[in-house]
Amino acid sequence: MTWTILFLSFLSTANFSDNDNIAEIRHDFHLIENKDDLLSFLDNYKDSDCDLAEPFIAAASMQMARHAFITKKMRYFTTGKERLELYIKNNPTSVEAKYIRLLIQKEIPSFLNYNDSIESDREFIVFHLPTSNLPKEYQKIILQNIQK
């Protein structure tokens, strides 16, 4: 009985820790404004064991293409894109992952041909966001950021 209580106590603490971690990751991701911010974000979270962090890390990898030498630009972009698309394939109902993809697709140059999900992601987000388990304040940020 005592072990059961200790085990349940541990599980609830571990789960709460992941929730705190993803809140911090969300916050820090939205503060990225320059190369130093981006490098700091990647350094802080690249080894995160929080599964929900993967879309943010993939997007940050794609953003590194802006700051990389010409010979490495496509590698950063392609690696991040593949990671993000794999996450979305494995988590097709993730509002947050589709939100991150939408942010990236809105910002990148059209010649990269990575803009085919903008409208479908926007529609998915608008429809599913109200029933998601994302915090209400974060939902407001998402809605502001997906406006055309």
C-alpha atoms as a PDB file:
ATOM      1  CA  MET A   1       0.000   0.000   0.000  1.00  0.00           C
ATOM      2  CA  THR A   2       2.789   2.427   0.919  1.00  0.00           C
ATOM      3  CA  TRP A   3       4.653   1.627  -2.321  1.00  0.00           C
ATOM      4  CA  THR A   4       1.510   2.270  -4.331  1.00  0.00           C
ATOM      5  CA  ILE A   5       1.092   5.696  -2.780  1.00  0.00           C
ATOM      6  CA  LEU A   6       4.761   6.523  -3.347  1.00  0.00           C
ATOM      7  CA  PHE A   7       4.574   5.342  -6.956  1.00  0.00           C
ATOM      8  CA  LEU A   8       1.415   7.373  -7.680  1.00  0.00           C
ATOM      9  CA  SER A   9       3.023  10.343  -6.003  1.00  0.00           C
ATOM     10  CA  PHE A  10       6.076   9.989  -8.245  1.00  0.00           C
ATOM     11  CA  LEU A  11       3.945   9.711 -11.378  1.00  0.00           C
ATOM     12  CA  SER A  12       1.976  12.847 -10.617  1.00  0.00           C
ATOM     13  CA  THR A  13       5.180  14.776  -9.915  1.00  0.00           C
ATOM     14  CA  ALA A  14       6.805  13.570 -13.144  1.00  0.00           C
ATOM     15  CA  ASN A  15       3.764  14.510 -15.185  1.00  0.00           C
ATOM     16  CA  PHE A  16       3.603  17.944 -13.571  1.00  0.00           C
ATOM     17  CA  SER A  17       7.275  18.455 -14.369  1.00  0.00           C
ATOM     18  CA  ASP A  18       6.638  17.787 -18.082  1.00  0.00           C
ATOM     19  CA  ASN A  19       3.801  20.320 -18.009  1.00  0.00           C
ATOM     20  CA  ASP A  20       6.119  22.909 -16.476  1.00  0.00           C
ATOM     21  CA  ASN A  21       8.803  22.087 -19.022  1.00  0.00           C
ATOM     22  CA  ILE A  22       6.526  22.477 -22.046  1.00  0.00           C
ATOM     23  CA  ALA A  23       5.202  25.786 -20.722  1.00  0.00           C
ATOM     24  CA  GLU A  24       8.781  27.040 -20.494  1.00  0.00           C
ATOM     25  CA  ILE A  25       9.591  25.722 -23.973  1.00  0.00           C
ATOM     26  CA  ARG A  26       6.509  27.432 -25.451  1.00  0.00           C
ATOM     27  CA  HIS A  27       7.427  30.686 -23.777  1.00  0.00           C
ATOM     28  CA  ASP A  28      11.074  30.596 -24.852  1.00  0.00           C
ATOM     29  CA  PHE A  29      10.223  29.597 -28.436  1.00  0.00           C
ATOM     30  CA  HIS A  30       8.053  32.664 -28.869  1.00  0.00           C
ATOM     31  CA  LEU A  31      10.868  34.889 -27.585  1.00  0.00           C
ATOM     32  CA  ILE A  32      13.338  33.862 -30.309  1.00  0.00           C
ATOM     33  CA  GLU A  33      14.305  37.011 -32.197  1.00  0.00           C
ATOM     34  CA  ASN A  34      17.891  36.473 -33.319  1.00  0.00           C
ATOM     35  CA  LYS A  35      20.665  33.939 -33.734  1.00  0.00           C
ATOM     36  CA  ASP A  36      21.743  34.124 -30.084  1.00  0.00           C
ATOM     37  CA  ASP A  37      18.192  33.455 -28.888  1.00  0.00           C
ATOM     38  CA  LEU A  38      17.923  30.554 -31.310  1.00  0.00           C
ATOM     39  CA  LEU A  39      21.230  29.013 -30.247  1.00  0.00           C
ATOM     40  CA  SER A  40      20.274  29.398 -26.592  1.00  0.00           C
ATOM     41  CA  PHE A  41      16.887  27.762 -27.209  1.00  0.00           C
ATOM     42  CA  LEU A  42      18.456  24.799 -29.017  1.00  0.00           C
ATOM     43  CA  ASP A  43      21.160  24.425 -26.389  1.00  0.00           C
ATOM     44  CA  ASN A  44      18.589  24.429 -23.579  1.00  0.00           C
ATOM     45  CA  TYR A  45      16.078  22.040 -25.123  1.00  0.00           C
ATOM     46  CA  LYS A  46      17.754  19.859 -27.766  1.00  0.00           C
ATOM     47  CA  ASP A  47      18.035  16.969 -25.291  1.00  0.00           C
ATOM     48  CA  SER A  48      14.600  17.452 -23.740  1.00  0.00           C
ATOM     49  CA  ASP A  49      12.806  14.241 -22.842  1.00  0.00           C
ATOM     50  CA  CYS A  50       9.457  16.014 -23.134  1.00  0.00           C
ATOM     51  CA  ASP A  51       7.824  14.601 -26.282  1.00  0.00           C
ATOM     52  CA  LEU A  52       5.761  17.767 -26.735  1.00  0.00           C
ATOM     53  CA  ALA A  53       8.995  19.725 -27.264  1.00  0.00           C
ATOM     54  CA  GLU A  54       9.787  17.984 -30.570  1.00  0.00           C
ATOM     55  CA  PRO A  55       7.863  20.375 -32.886  1.00  0.00           C
ATOM     56  CA  PHE A  56       9.564  23.372 -31.259  1.00  0.00           C
ATOM     57  CA  ILE A  57      13.023  21.853 -31.578  1.00  0.00           C
ATOM     58  CA  ALA A  58      12.364  20.865 -35.203  1.00  0.00           C
ATOM     59  CA  ALA A  59      11.178  24.393 -36.011  1.00  0.00           C
ATOM     60  CA  ALA A  60      14.219  25.910 -34.328  1.00  0.00           C
ATOM     61  CA  SER A  61      16.423  23.643 -36.433  1.00  0.00           C
ATOM     62  CA  MET A  62      14.723  24.956 -39.571  1.00  0.00           C
ATOM     63  CA  GLN A  63      15.258  28.509 -38.381  1.00  0.00           C
ATOM     64  CA  MET A  64      18.991  27.809 -38.048  1.00  0.00           C
ATOM     65  CA  ALA A  65      19.106  27.761 -41.850  1.00  0.00           C
ATOM     66  CA  ARG A  66      18.799  31.566 -41.767  1.00  0.00           C
ATOM     67  CA  HIS A  67      22.062  31.859 -39.861  1.00  0.00           C
ATOM     68  CA  ALA A  68      24.088  28.981 -41.301  1.00  0.00           C
ATOM     69  CA  PHE A  69      26.754  29.036 -43.978  1.00  0.00           C
ATOM     70  CA  ILE A  70      25.360  28.545 -47.453  1.00  0.00           C
ATOM     71  CA  THR A  71      26.598  24.945 -47.576  1.00  0.00           C
ATOM     72  CA  LYS A  72      24.639  23.985 -44.442  1.00  0.00           C
ATOM     73  CA  LYS A  73      21.399  25.931 -44.948  1.00  0.00           C
ATOM     74  CA  MET A  74      19.482  23.140 -46.688  1.00  0.00           C
ATOM     75  CA  ARG A  75      20.685  20.531 -44.214  1.00  0.00           C
ATOM     76  CA  TYR A  76      19.289  22.492 -41.253  1.00  0.00           C
ATOM     77  CA  PHE A  77      16.040  23.147 -43.057  1.00  0.00           C
ATOM     78  CA  THR A  78      15.564  19.591 -44.324  1.00  0.00           C
ATOM     79  CA  THR A  79      16.448  17.966 -41.006  1.00  0.00           C
ATOM     80  CA  GLY A  80      14.020  20.179 -39.106  1.00  0.00           C
ATOM     81  CA  LYS A  81      11.292  19.705 -41.698  1.00  0.00           C
ATOM     82  CA  GLU A  82      11.637  15.913 -41.598  1.00  0.00           C
ATOM     83  CA  ARG A  83      11.497  15.904 -37.793  1.00  0.00           C
ATOM     84  CA  LEU A  84       8.407  18.112 -37.741  1.00  0.00           C
ATOM     85  CA  GLU A  85       6.606  16.143 -40.447  1.00  0.00           C
ATOM     86  CA  LEU A  86       7.390  12.848 -38.699  1.00  0.00           C
ATOM     87  CA  TYR A  87       6.014  14.231 -35.438  1.00  0.00           C
ATOM     88  CA  ILE A  88       2.821  15.359 -37.182  1.00  0.00           C
ATOM     89  CA  LYS A  89       2.500  12.002 -38.953  1.00  0.00           C
ATOM     90  CA  ASN A  90       2.743  10.229 -35.579  1.00  0.00           C
ATOM     91  CA  ASN A  91       0.533  12.812 -33.820  1.00  0.00           C
ATOM     92  CA  PRO A  92      -1.991  13.902 -36.469  1.00  0.00           C
ATOM     93  CA  THR A  93      -4.348  15.470 -33.937  1.00  0.00           C
ATOM     94  CA  SER A  94      -1.699  17.692 -32.338  1.00  0.00           C
ATOM     95  CA  VAL A  95      -3.010  21.230 -32.601  1.00  0.00           C
ATOM     96  CA  GLU A  96       0.280  22.579 -31.332  1.00  0.00           C
ATOM     97  CA  ALA A  97       2.434  20.755 -33.907  1.00  0.00           C
ATOM     98  CA  LYS A  98       0.245  22.026 -36.733  1.00  0.00           C
ATOM     99  CA  TYR A  99       0.448  25.498 -35.238  1.00  0.00           C
ATOM    100  CA  ILE A 100       4.252  25.345 -35.265  1.00  0.00           C
ATOM    101  CA  ARG A 101       4.213  24.101 -38.873  1.00  0.00           C
ATOM    102  CA  LEU A 102       1.891  26.936 -39.839  1.00  0.00           C
ATOM    103  CA  LEU A 103       4.206  29.515 -38.265  1.00  0.00           C
ATOM    104  CA  ILE A 104       7.172  28.106 -40.178  1.00  0.00           C
ATOM    105  CA  GLN A 105       5.342  27.814 -43.492  1.00  0.00           C
ATOM    106  CA  LYS A 106       4.146  31.414 -43.260  1.00  0.00           C
ATOM    107  CA  GLU A 107       7.709  32.684 -42.750  1.00  0.00           C
ATOM    108  CA  ILE A 108       9.910  30.718 -45.120  1.00  0.00           C
ATOM    109  CA  PRO A 109      10.637  31.687 -48.721  1.00  0.00           C
ATOM    110  CA  SER A 110       8.224  30.207 -51.262  1.00  0.00           C
ATOM    111  CA  PHE A 111      11.023  28.683 -53.362  1.00  0.00           C
ATOM    112  CA  LEU A 112      11.480  26.059 -50.639  1.00  0.00           C
ATOM    113  CA  ASN A 113       8.048  24.663 -51.559  1.00  0.00           C
ATOM    114  CA  TYR A 114       7.032  24.119 -47.967  1.00  0.00           C
ATOM    115  CA  ASN A 115       3.771  26.007 -47.872  1.00  0.00           C
ATOM    116  CA  ASP A 116       1.172  23.423 -48.861  1.00  0.00           C
ATOM    117  CA  SER A 117      -0.415  23.013 -45.412  1.00  0.00           C
ATOM    118  CA  ILE A 118      -1.039  26.631 -44.448  1.00  0.00           C
ATOM    119  CA  GLU A 119      -4.784  26.709 -45.050  1.00  0.00           C
ATOM    120  CA  SER A 120      -5.513  23.160 -43.886  1.00  0.00           C
ATOM    121  CA  ASP A 121      -3.494  23.716 -40.696  1.00  0.00           C
ATOM    122  CA  ARG A 122      -5.260  27.032 -40.043  1.00  0.00           C
ATOM    123  CA  GLU A 123      -8.668  25.369 -40.457  1.00  0.00           C
ATOM    124  CA  PHE A 124      -7.647  22.427 -38.258  1.00  0.00           C
ATOM    125  CA  ILE A 125      -6.377  24.742 -35.527  1.00  0.00           C
ATOM    126  CA  VAL A 126      -9.452  26.980 -35.526  1.00  0.00           C
ATOM    127  CA  PHE A 127     -11.754  23.960 -35.357  1.00  0.00           C
ATOM    128  CA  HIS A 128      -9.848  21.925 -32.730  1.00  0.00           C
ATOM    129  CA  LEU A 129      -8.250  24.591 -30.554  1.00  0.00           C
ATOM    130  CA  PRO A 130     -11.314  25.228 -28.345  1.00  0.00           C
ATOM    131  CA  THR A 131     -11.475  21.560 -27.326  1.00  0.00           C
ATOM    132  CA  SER A 132      -7.725  21.124 -26.905  1.00  0.00           C
ATOM    133  CA  ASN A 133      -6.107  20.877 -23.494  1.00  0.00           C
ATOM    134  CA  LEU A 134      -3.861  23.874 -24.206  1.00  0.00           C
ATOM    135  CA  PRO A 135      -4.031  26.692 -21.640  1.00  0.00           C
ATOM    136  CA  LYS A 136      -6.585  29.389 -22.517  1.00  0.00           C
ATOM    137  CA  GLU A 137      -3.986  32.173 -22.559  1.00  0.00           C
ATOM    138  CA  TYR A 138      -1.836  30.171 -24.948  1.00  0.00           C
ATOM    139  CA  GLN A 139      -4.872  29.524 -27.141  1.00  0.00           C
ATOM    140  CA  LYS A 140      -5.291  33.307 -27.456  1.00  0.00           C
ATOM    141  CA  ILE A 141      -1.656  33.633 -28.555  1.00  0.00           C
ATOM    142  CA  ILE A 142      -2.136  30.891 -31.126  1.00  0.00           C
ATOM    143  CA  LEU A 143      -5.234  32.571 -32.572  1.00  0.00           C
ATOM    144  CA  GLN A 144      -3.419  35.906 -32.802  1.00  0.00           C
ATOM    145  CA  ASN A 145      -0.428  34.308 -34.539  1.00  0.00           C
ATOM    146  CA  ILE A 146      -2.402  32.374 -37.158  1.00  0.00           C
ATOM    147  CA  GLN A 147      -4.255  35.365 -38.528  1.00  0.00           C
ATOM    148  CA  LYS A 148      -3.612  35.901 -42.214  1.00  0.00           C
END
